[in-house]
């Protein structure tokens, strides 16, 4: 990524007025220079943008090569407001519901699995001592 591409990406994120999380590696090198995000970008997005310096990289789909800020703005808008975005939001809400159900007190699957594991471990250790 060139510094020009980085600037275009930052302003594409800023100009669509959406909340975002952007993982920027602290050792990102752009053709011999460290990546420095424009202060104006940081000021513009401080209330709706979160920058992180780490994530499990093998779990992240890499950003495709995109053109200028207009294309970045269009792609982010499509993901946030288009059909893809609606599907992603639906799946996230489905996962949230499943996680809540799995951790409900004494009836959730996570609780039942833990109870089952404890009883198997305790029964197994009791059988060995008898």
N, C-alpha and C. Protein backbone atom coordinates (compact mmCIF):
# COMPACT_ATOMS: atom_id res chain seq x y z
N UNK A 1 0.85 -1.18 0.00
CA UNK A 1 0.00 0.00 0.00
C UNK A 1 0.89 1.23 0.00
N UNK A 2 0.58 2.15 -0.86
CA UNK A 2 1.33 3.40 -0.89
C UNK A 2 0.70 4.37 0.11
N UNK A 3 1.41 5.44 0.42
CA UNK A 3 0.82 6.43 1.32
C UNK A 3 -0.40 7.08 0.69
N UNK A 4 -0.41 7.24 -0.61
CA UNK A 4 -1.59 7.79 -1.28
C UNK A 4 -2.80 6.85 -1.11
N UNK A 5 -2.58 5.55 -1.27
CA UNK A 5 -3.66 4.58 -1.08
C UNK A 5 -4.18 4.62 0.36
N UNK A 6 -3.27 4.76 1.33
CA UNK A 6 -3.68 4.85 2.73
C UNK A 6 -4.56 6.07 2.96
N UNK A 7 -4.15 7.21 2.41
CA UNK A 7 -4.94 8.44 2.56
C UNK A 7 -6.31 8.27 1.92
N UNK A 8 -6.36 7.66 0.74
CA UNK A 8 -7.65 7.44 0.08
C UNK A 8 -8.54 6.52 0.92
N UNK A 9 -7.96 5.49 1.50
CA UNK A 9 -8.72 4.58 2.35
C UNK A 9 -9.25 5.29 3.58
N UNK A 10 -8.42 6.10 4.22
CA UNK A 10 -8.87 6.81 5.42
C UNK A 10 -10.01 7.76 5.10
N UNK A 11 -9.89 8.51 4.01
CA UNK A 11 -10.96 9.46 3.69
C UNK A 11 -12.20 8.77 3.15
N UNK A 12 -12.05 7.60 2.56
CA UNK A 12 -13.22 6.82 2.18
C UNK A 12 -14.01 6.39 3.40
N UNK A 13 -13.30 5.98 4.46
CA UNK A 13 -13.96 5.62 5.72
C UNK A 13 -14.61 6.84 6.36
N UNK A 14 -13.89 7.95 6.35
CA UNK A 14 -14.40 9.16 7.02
C UNK A 14 -15.62 9.72 6.31
N UNK A 15 -15.63 9.69 5.01
CA UNK A 15 -16.67 10.41 4.28
C UNK A 15 -18.01 9.71 4.24
N UNK A 16 -18.10 8.42 4.62
CA UNK A 16 -19.42 7.79 4.56
C UNK A 16 -20.18 7.87 5.89
N UNK A 17 -19.56 8.46 6.90
CA UNK A 17 -20.23 8.73 8.18
C UNK A 17 -20.77 7.50 8.89
N UNK A 18 -20.13 6.36 8.73
CA UNK A 18 -20.52 5.12 9.41
C UNK A 18 -19.55 4.84 10.54
N UNK A 19 -20.03 4.16 11.58
CA UNK A 19 -19.14 3.68 12.64
C UNK A 19 -18.27 2.58 12.06
N UNK A 20 -17.04 2.49 12.54
CA UNK A 20 -16.16 1.46 12.01
C UNK A 20 -15.12 1.03 13.03
N UNK A 21 -14.61 -0.16 12.82
CA UNK A 21 -13.46 -0.71 13.53
C UNK A 21 -12.43 -1.01 12.45
N UNK A 22 -11.23 -0.47 12.62
CA UNK A 22 -10.18 -0.68 11.63
C UNK A 22 -8.95 -1.17 12.35
N UNK A 23 -8.47 -2.34 11.96
CA UNK A 23 -7.26 -2.89 12.55
C UNK A 23 -6.08 -2.44 11.70
N UNK A 24 -5.22 -1.63 12.32
CA UNK A 24 -4.05 -1.09 11.64
C UNK A 24 -2.83 -1.63 12.36
N UNK A 25 -2.06 -2.45 11.68
CA UNK A 25 -0.88 -3.03 12.28
C UNK A 25 0.12 -1.94 12.65
N UNK A 26 0.67 -2.00 13.88
CA UNK A 26 1.62 -0.96 14.29
C UNK A 26 2.90 -0.96 13.47
N UNK A 27 3.20 -2.08 12.83
CA UNK A 27 4.42 -2.13 12.03
C UNK A 27 4.14 -2.03 10.53
N UNK A 28 2.98 -1.48 10.19
CA UNK A 28 2.62 -1.31 8.79
C UNK A 28 3.65 -0.40 8.13
N UNK A 29 4.24 -0.89 7.09
CA UNK A 29 5.24 -0.12 6.36
C UNK A 29 4.67 0.19 4.98
N UNK A 30 4.77 1.42 4.60
CA UNK A 30 4.27 1.84 3.30
C UNK A 30 5.45 2.35 2.49
N UNK A 31 5.96 1.49 1.66
CA UNK A 31 7.09 1.84 0.80
C UNK A 31 8.18 2.58 1.54
N UNK A 32 8.62 1.98 2.64
CA UNK A 32 9.75 2.54 3.38
C UNK A 32 9.39 3.50 4.48
N UNK A 33 8.15 3.93 4.59
CA UNK A 33 7.74 4.87 5.63
C UNK A 33 6.73 4.21 6.54
N UNK A 34 6.76 4.57 7.81
CA UNK A 34 5.75 4.07 8.72
C UNK A 34 4.40 4.69 8.35
N UNK A 35 3.36 3.92 8.60
CA UNK A 35 2.01 4.43 8.31
C UNK A 35 1.62 5.45 9.35
N UNK A 36 1.31 6.62 8.92
CA UNK A 36 0.84 7.67 9.82
C UNK A 36 -0.50 8.14 9.28
N UNK A 37 -1.53 7.98 10.11
CA UNK A 37 -2.86 8.40 9.69
C UNK A 37 -2.97 9.91 9.85
N UNK A 38 -3.60 10.57 8.90
CA UNK A 38 -3.73 12.04 8.98
C UNK A 38 -4.50 12.45 10.24
N UNK A 39 -4.02 13.47 10.93
CA UNK A 39 -4.68 13.96 12.14
C UNK A 39 -6.11 14.39 11.85
N UNK A 40 -6.32 14.96 10.68
CA UNK A 40 -7.67 15.39 10.31
C UNK A 40 -8.63 14.21 10.26
N UNK A 41 -8.13 13.06 9.79
CA UNK A 41 -8.94 11.84 9.76
C UNK A 41 -9.29 11.41 11.18
N UNK A 42 -8.28 11.42 12.07
CA UNK A 42 -8.51 11.02 13.45
C UNK A 42 -9.52 11.95 14.13
N UNK A 43 -9.40 13.25 13.87
CA UNK A 43 -10.35 14.22 14.44
C UNK A 43 -11.76 13.99 13.90
N UNK A 44 -11.86 13.77 12.60
CA UNK A 44 -13.15 13.60 11.93
C UNK A 44 -13.89 12.34 12.41
N UNK A 45 -13.15 11.30 12.77
CA UNK A 45 -13.78 10.00 13.07
C UNK A 45 -13.69 9.61 14.54
N UNK A 46 -13.24 10.49 15.41
CA UNK A 46 -12.99 10.11 16.81
C UNK A 46 -14.23 9.62 17.53
N UNK A 47 -15.42 10.08 17.14
CA UNK A 47 -16.66 9.67 17.81
C UNK A 47 -17.27 8.42 17.21
N UNK A 48 -16.79 7.98 16.05
CA UNK A 48 -17.42 6.84 15.40
C UNK A 48 -16.45 5.81 14.87
N UNK A 49 -15.17 6.05 15.08
CA UNK A 49 -14.18 5.10 14.60
C UNK A 49 -13.35 4.55 15.74
N UNK A 50 -13.04 3.27 15.65
CA UNK A 50 -12.18 2.63 16.64
C UNK A 50 -11.03 1.99 15.89
N UNK A 51 -9.83 2.38 16.26
CA UNK A 51 -8.63 1.81 15.66
C UNK A 51 -8.04 0.81 16.63
N UNK A 52 -7.70 -0.35 16.13
CA UNK A 52 -7.07 -1.39 16.95
C UNK A 52 -5.73 -1.72 16.30
N UNK A 53 -4.81 -2.20 17.12
CA UNK A 53 -3.49 -2.52 16.57
C UNK A 53 -3.26 -4.01 16.42
N UNK A 54 -4.25 -4.82 16.84
CA UNK A 54 -4.06 -6.26 16.73
C UNK A 54 -5.39 -6.96 16.55
N UNK A 55 -5.37 -8.05 15.82
CA UNK A 55 -6.49 -8.98 15.73
C UNK A 55 -5.90 -10.29 15.21
N UNK A 56 -6.63 -11.39 15.36
CA UNK A 56 -6.11 -12.65 14.82
C UNK A 56 -6.14 -12.60 13.28
N UNK A 57 -5.02 -12.30 12.68
CA UNK A 57 -4.96 -12.03 11.25
C UNK A 57 -5.50 -13.17 10.39
N UNK A 58 -5.29 -14.40 10.83
CA UNK A 58 -5.76 -15.53 10.02
C UNK A 58 -7.28 -15.59 9.94
N UNK A 59 -7.98 -14.88 10.83
CA UNK A 59 -9.44 -14.87 10.85
C UNK A 59 -10.02 -13.69 10.07
N UNK A 60 -9.17 -12.79 9.55
CA UNK A 60 -9.64 -11.57 8.91
C UNK A 60 -9.56 -11.72 7.39
N UNK A 61 -10.64 -11.43 6.72
CA UNK A 61 -10.60 -11.35 5.26
C UNK A 61 -9.86 -10.09 4.88
N UNK A 62 -8.79 -10.19 4.06
CA UNK A 62 -7.96 -9.05 3.67
C UNK A 62 -8.77 -8.06 2.84
N UNK A 63 -8.42 -6.78 2.98
CA UNK A 63 -9.08 -5.73 2.21
C UNK A 63 -8.65 -5.87 0.76
N UNK A 64 -9.62 -5.94 -0.13
CA UNK A 64 -9.24 -6.04 -1.54
C UNK A 64 -8.61 -4.74 -2.02
N UNK A 65 -7.89 -4.83 -3.07
CA UNK A 65 -7.32 -3.62 -3.65
C UNK A 65 -8.45 -2.77 -4.20
N UNK A 66 -8.53 -1.57 -3.69
CA UNK A 66 -9.61 -0.68 -4.13
C UNK A 66 -9.01 0.59 -4.69
N UNK A 67 -9.84 1.31 -5.41
CA UNK A 67 -9.40 2.57 -6.01
C UNK A 67 -9.36 3.67 -4.97
N UNK A 68 -9.97 4.78 -5.28
CA UNK A 68 -9.92 5.95 -4.43
C UNK A 68 -10.97 5.96 -3.34
N UNK A 69 -11.04 7.09 -2.66
CA UNK A 69 -11.94 7.24 -1.52
C UNK A 69 -13.40 7.06 -1.91
N UNK A 70 -13.77 7.43 -3.11
CA UNK A 70 -15.16 7.26 -3.55
C UNK A 70 -15.53 5.78 -3.59
N UNK A 71 -14.63 4.96 -4.08
CA UNK A 71 -14.89 3.52 -4.13
C UNK A 71 -14.94 2.93 -2.73
N UNK A 72 -14.04 3.35 -1.84
CA UNK A 72 -14.06 2.88 -0.46
C UNK A 72 -15.38 3.27 0.19
N UNK A 73 -15.79 4.51 -0.01
CA UNK A 73 -17.05 4.99 0.56
C UNK A 73 -18.22 4.15 0.04
N UNK A 74 -18.23 3.84 -1.25
CA UNK A 74 -19.29 3.04 -1.85
C UNK A 74 -19.31 1.63 -1.28
N UNK A 75 -18.13 1.00 -1.17
CA UNK A 75 -18.06 -0.36 -0.66
C UNK A 75 -18.49 -0.45 0.81
N UNK A 76 -18.07 0.51 1.62
CA UNK A 76 -18.47 0.51 3.03
C UNK A 76 -19.97 0.74 3.14
N UNK A 77 -20.49 1.66 2.35
CA UNK A 77 -21.93 1.90 2.34
C UNK A 77 -22.71 0.67 1.93
N UNK A 78 -22.21 -0.04 0.92
CA UNK A 78 -22.85 -1.27 0.46
C UNK A 78 -22.86 -2.33 1.56
N UNK A 79 -21.75 -2.46 2.26
CA UNK A 79 -21.67 -3.44 3.33
C UNK A 79 -22.56 -3.05 4.51
N UNK A 80 -22.65 -1.78 4.81
CA UNK A 80 -23.43 -1.34 5.96
C UNK A 80 -24.92 -1.24 5.66
N UNK A 81 -25.29 -0.80 4.47
CA UNK A 81 -26.70 -0.53 4.17
C UNK A 81 -27.29 -1.43 3.09
N UNK A 82 -26.45 -2.12 2.34
CA UNK A 82 -26.93 -2.95 1.24
C UNK A 82 -27.38 -4.32 1.70
N UNK A 83 -27.68 -5.18 0.76
CA UNK A 83 -28.16 -6.53 1.06
C UNK A 83 -27.11 -7.35 1.83
N UNK A 84 -25.84 -7.21 1.45
CA UNK A 84 -24.78 -7.93 2.18
C UNK A 84 -24.77 -7.51 3.64
N UNK A 85 -24.86 -6.23 3.88
CA UNK A 85 -24.85 -5.71 5.25
C UNK A 85 -26.03 -6.22 6.04
N UNK A 86 -27.20 -6.27 5.42
CA UNK A 86 -28.40 -6.77 6.11
C UNK A 86 -28.22 -8.24 6.49
N UNK A 87 -27.63 -9.01 5.60
CA UNK A 87 -27.40 -10.43 5.89
C UNK A 87 -26.38 -10.61 7.01
N UNK A 88 -25.31 -9.83 6.99
CA UNK A 88 -24.29 -9.90 8.05
C UNK A 88 -24.91 -9.52 9.40
N UNK A 89 -25.71 -8.47 9.42
CA UNK A 89 -26.38 -8.06 10.67
C UNK A 89 -27.32 -9.14 11.17
N UNK A 90 -28.06 -9.77 10.26
CA UNK A 90 -28.99 -10.83 10.65
C UNK A 90 -28.23 -12.00 11.27
N UNK A 91 -27.13 -12.41 10.63
CA UNK A 91 -26.33 -13.52 11.18
C UNK A 91 -25.76 -13.15 12.54
N UNK A 92 -25.29 -11.91 12.70
CA UNK A 92 -24.74 -11.49 14.00
C UNK A 92 -25.81 -11.53 15.08
N UNK A 93 -27.03 -11.09 14.75
CA UNK A 93 -28.12 -11.14 15.74
C UNK A 93 -28.50 -12.59 16.06
N UNK A 94 -28.46 -13.47 15.05
CA UNK A 94 -28.73 -14.89 15.29
C UNK A 94 -27.69 -15.48 16.23
N UNK A 95 -26.42 -15.16 16.00
CA UNK A 95 -25.35 -15.66 16.87
C UNK A 95 -25.50 -15.12 18.28
N UNK A 96 -25.87 -13.85 18.39
CA UNK A 96 -26.07 -13.24 19.70
C UNK A 96 -27.16 -13.99 20.45
N UNK A 97 -28.26 -14.27 19.78
CA UNK A 97 -29.38 -14.99 20.41
C UNK A 97 -28.93 -16.38 20.86
N UNK A 98 -28.19 -17.09 20.00
CA UNK A 98 -27.70 -18.42 20.36
C UNK A 98 -26.76 -18.36 21.57
N UNK A 99 -25.90 -17.35 21.61
CA UNK A 99 -24.98 -17.20 22.74
C UNK A 99 -25.75 -16.92 24.02
N UNK A 100 -26.76 -16.08 23.94
CA UNK A 100 -27.56 -15.78 25.13
C UNK A 100 -28.29 -17.03 25.61
N UNK A 101 -28.87 -17.79 24.69
CA UNK A 101 -29.59 -19.01 25.06
C UNK A 101 -28.64 -20.05 25.67
N UNK A 102 -27.44 -20.12 25.14
CA UNK A 102 -26.48 -21.12 25.62
C UNK A 102 -25.97 -20.82 27.02
N UNK A 103 -26.08 -19.58 27.44
CA UNK A 103 -25.54 -19.21 28.75
C UNK A 103 -26.62 -18.87 29.76
N UNK A 104 -27.88 -19.16 29.43
CA UNK A 104 -28.95 -18.90 30.39
C UNK A 104 -28.74 -19.75 31.64
N UNK A 105 -29.13 -19.22 32.80
CA UNK A 105 -28.96 -19.91 34.08
C UNK A 105 -29.65 -21.27 34.07
N UNK A 106 -28.91 -22.30 34.34
CA UNK A 106 -29.35 -23.66 34.59
C UNK A 106 -30.16 -24.32 33.49
N UNK A 107 -30.48 -23.64 32.43
CA UNK A 107 -31.19 -24.29 31.34
C UNK A 107 -30.46 -24.13 30.01
N UNK A 108 -29.47 -23.27 29.98
CA UNK A 108 -28.72 -23.06 28.74
C UNK A 108 -27.80 -24.24 28.44
N UNK A 109 -27.50 -24.44 27.15
CA UNK A 109 -26.67 -25.56 26.73
C UNK A 109 -25.27 -25.49 27.33
N UNK A 110 -24.71 -24.29 27.46
CA UNK A 110 -23.37 -24.17 28.05
C UNK A 110 -23.38 -24.65 29.50
N UNK A 111 -24.41 -24.27 30.23
CA UNK A 111 -24.53 -24.71 31.62
C UNK A 111 -24.68 -26.22 31.68
N UNK A 112 -25.53 -26.76 30.83
CA UNK A 112 -25.74 -28.21 30.82
C UNK A 112 -24.47 -28.96 30.44
N UNK A 113 -23.74 -28.44 29.47
CA UNK A 113 -22.47 -29.07 29.07
C UNK A 113 -21.46 -29.04 30.21
N UNK A 114 -21.38 -27.92 30.93
CA UNK A 114 -20.47 -27.81 32.06
C UNK A 114 -20.86 -28.80 33.16
N UNK A 115 -22.15 -28.86 33.45
CA UNK A 115 -22.64 -29.79 34.47
C UNK A 115 -22.32 -31.23 34.07
N UNK A 116 -22.52 -31.57 32.81
CA UNK A 116 -22.22 -32.91 32.31
C UNK A 116 -20.74 -33.23 32.43
N UNK A 117 -19.89 -32.27 32.07
CA UNK A 117 -18.44 -32.49 32.16
C UNK A 117 -18.01 -32.70 33.61
N UNK A 118 -18.54 -31.88 34.52
CA UNK A 118 -18.17 -32.02 35.93
C UNK A 118 -18.59 -33.37 36.47
N UNK A 119 -19.80 -33.80 36.14
CA UNK A 119 -20.26 -35.09 36.65
C UNK A 119 -19.42 -36.23 36.08
N UNK A 120 -19.04 -36.14 34.82
CA UNK A 120 -18.21 -37.19 34.22
C UNK A 120 -16.82 -37.22 34.84
N UNK A 121 -16.25 -36.05 35.09
CA UNK A 121 -14.92 -36.00 35.69
C UNK A 121 -14.97 -36.51 37.12
N UNK A 122 -15.96 -36.05 37.86
CA UNK A 122 -16.09 -36.50 39.25
C UNK A 122 -16.39 -37.99 39.33
N UNK A 123 -17.28 -38.47 38.50
CA UNK A 123 -17.59 -39.90 38.49
C UNK A 123 -16.39 -40.71 38.08
N UNK A 124 -15.66 -40.22 37.11
CA UNK A 124 -14.47 -40.91 36.63
C UNK A 124 -13.42 -40.98 37.73
N UNK A 125 -13.20 -39.89 38.46
CA UNK A 125 -12.17 -39.89 39.51
C UNK A 125 -12.63 -40.71 40.71
N UNK A 126 -13.94 -40.75 41.00
CA UNK A 126 -14.45 -41.56 42.10
C UNK A 126 -14.31 -43.04 41.78
N UNK A 127 -14.55 -43.43 40.54
CA UNK A 127 -14.43 -44.82 40.13
C UNK A 127 -13.00 -45.29 40.25
N UNK A 128 -12.04 -44.41 39.95
CA UNK A 128 -10.63 -44.78 40.03
C UNK A 128 -10.20 -44.99 41.48
N UNK A 129 -10.79 -44.22 42.41
CA UNK A 129 -10.37 -44.35 43.81
C UNK A 129 -11.06 -45.53 44.49
N UNK A 130 -12.14 -46.06 43.94
CA UNK A 130 -12.85 -47.20 44.55
C UNK A 130 -12.29 -48.51 44.13
